[in-house]
Structure formats: structure tokens, C-alpha cells
Amino acid sequence: LVESIMKNLHKVHPVSTLVQGMHGVKARGFLSIPCVLGNSGLTDVIHMTLKPDEEKQLVKSAETLWGVQKELTL
């Protein structure tokens, strides 16, 4: 990850990012999804075509994680 950022490689890595608004996700959750990293950090999110059941699973995962994350006092 550091090499991609420091050398501005624009490589794809699975990194945790806000998924709210993607694929029907309404929860303000963070999931690891494919993203492009460059010298300014995350430069782009790779948008994948998901089947309906995959999209439902993604939404469920985001809702579950948001349920945990919103309880954290950071």
C-alpha cells in the first residue's frame, strides 16, 4: 500500500472506504473494496457489477458493520 502511494503507481488494492451510496448501501459504513491508490491516497473506487444477491449481501454487510461502528466512541 505504501509503495503504491509513495511511487504514485495507481495500483488497485482492497482498502477500507466509505460505501454509503454504493450499490444501494444507505448505512454509513466502511468496507474493504477495490480502490486505486496514488500519491494523494485513494484516487478512485473500482465500481463492480454485482448480481442482485451479491448486492443484497453487500448491503447486509454494510448495515452489520455500521451497527458496530456507530457504537464505537473514538
Protein backbone atom coordinates (compact mmCIF):
# COMPACT_ATOMS: atom_id res chain seq x y z
CA LEU A 1 0.00 0.00 0.00
CA VAL A 2 2.74 2.41 0.98
CA GLU A 3 4.69 1.70 -2.20
CA SER A 4 1.63 2.42 -4.36
CA ILE A 5 1.12 5.74 -2.60
CA MET A 6 4.77 6.82 -2.42
CA LYS A 7 5.57 5.84 -6.02
CA ASN A 8 2.21 7.02 -7.39
CA LEU A 9 1.65 3.62 -9.01
CA HIS A 10 -2.13 3.86 -9.36
CA LYS A 11 -2.48 0.17 -8.49
CA VAL A 12 -5.69 -1.48 -7.29
CA HIS A 13 -5.78 -2.63 -3.65
CA PRO A 14 -8.59 -3.71 -1.33
CA VAL A 15 -8.83 -0.85 1.16
CA SER A 16 -11.46 0.16 3.66
CA THR A 17 -13.53 3.07 2.38
CA LEU A 18 -16.97 4.61 2.86
CA VAL A 19 -19.53 2.60 0.89
CA GLN A 20 -22.59 4.72 1.64
CA GLY A 21 -24.43 5.37 -1.63
CA MET A 22 -22.79 2.48 -3.48
CA HIS A 23 -24.91 -0.47 -4.64
CA GLY A 24 -27.90 0.65 -2.58
CA VAL A 25 -25.98 0.94 0.70
CA LYS A 26 -27.66 3.53 2.93
CA ALA A 27 -25.63 2.85 6.08
CA ARG A 28 -22.58 5.00 6.78
CA GLY A 29 -20.25 2.01 6.87
CA PHE A 30 -16.73 1.28 5.76
CA LEU A 31 -15.83 -1.90 3.87
CA SER A 32 -12.73 -3.12 2.07
CA ILE A 33 -13.37 -2.76 -1.64
CA PRO A 34 -11.05 -2.48 -4.66
CA CYS A 35 -9.62 1.05 -4.87
CA VAL A 36 -6.85 2.75 -6.83
CA LEU A 37 -4.05 4.25 -4.74
CA GLY A 38 -1.75 7.05 -5.88
CA ASN A 39 0.35 9.80 -4.32
CA SER A 40 -2.72 11.54 -2.90
CA GLY A 41 -4.01 8.32 -1.31
CA LEU A 42 -7.24 6.80 -2.61
CA THR A 43 -7.71 8.18 -6.12
CA ASP A 44 -10.58 6.07 -7.41
CA VAL A 45 -13.01 3.34 -6.38
CA ILE A 46 -13.40 0.40 -8.73
CA HIS A 47 -17.12 0.09 -9.44
CA MET A 48 -18.07 -3.54 -9.87
CA THR A 49 -21.15 -5.02 -11.48
CA LEU A 50 -22.86 -7.12 -8.82
CA LYS A 51 -25.60 -9.71 -9.16
CA PRO A 52 -28.75 -8.90 -7.13
CA ASP A 53 -27.88 -11.46 -4.42
CA GLU A 54 -24.32 -10.08 -4.17
CA GLU A 55 -25.70 -6.56 -3.81
CA LYS A 56 -28.02 -7.71 -1.00
CA GLN A 57 -25.07 -9.34 0.77
CA LEU A 58 -23.02 -6.14 0.44
CA VAL A 59 -25.87 -4.05 1.88
CA LYS A 60 -26.27 -6.52 4.75
CA SER A 61 -22.53 -6.43 5.48
CA ALA A 62 -22.51 -2.63 5.49
CA GLU A 63 -25.53 -2.49 7.81
CA THR A 64 -23.97 -5.02 10.18
CA LEU A 65 -20.66 -3.16 10.32
CA TRP A 66 -22.39 0.20 10.73
CA GLY A 67 -24.27 -1.26 13.71
CA VAL A 68 -20.91 -1.99 15.34
CA GLN A 69 -19.10 1.17 14.17
CA LYS A 70 -21.74 3.60 15.41
CA GLU A 71 -21.32 2.22 18.94
CA LEU A 72 -17.58 2.98 18.99
CA THR A 73 -16.56 6.07 20.90
CA LEU A 74 -13.50 7.27 19.05
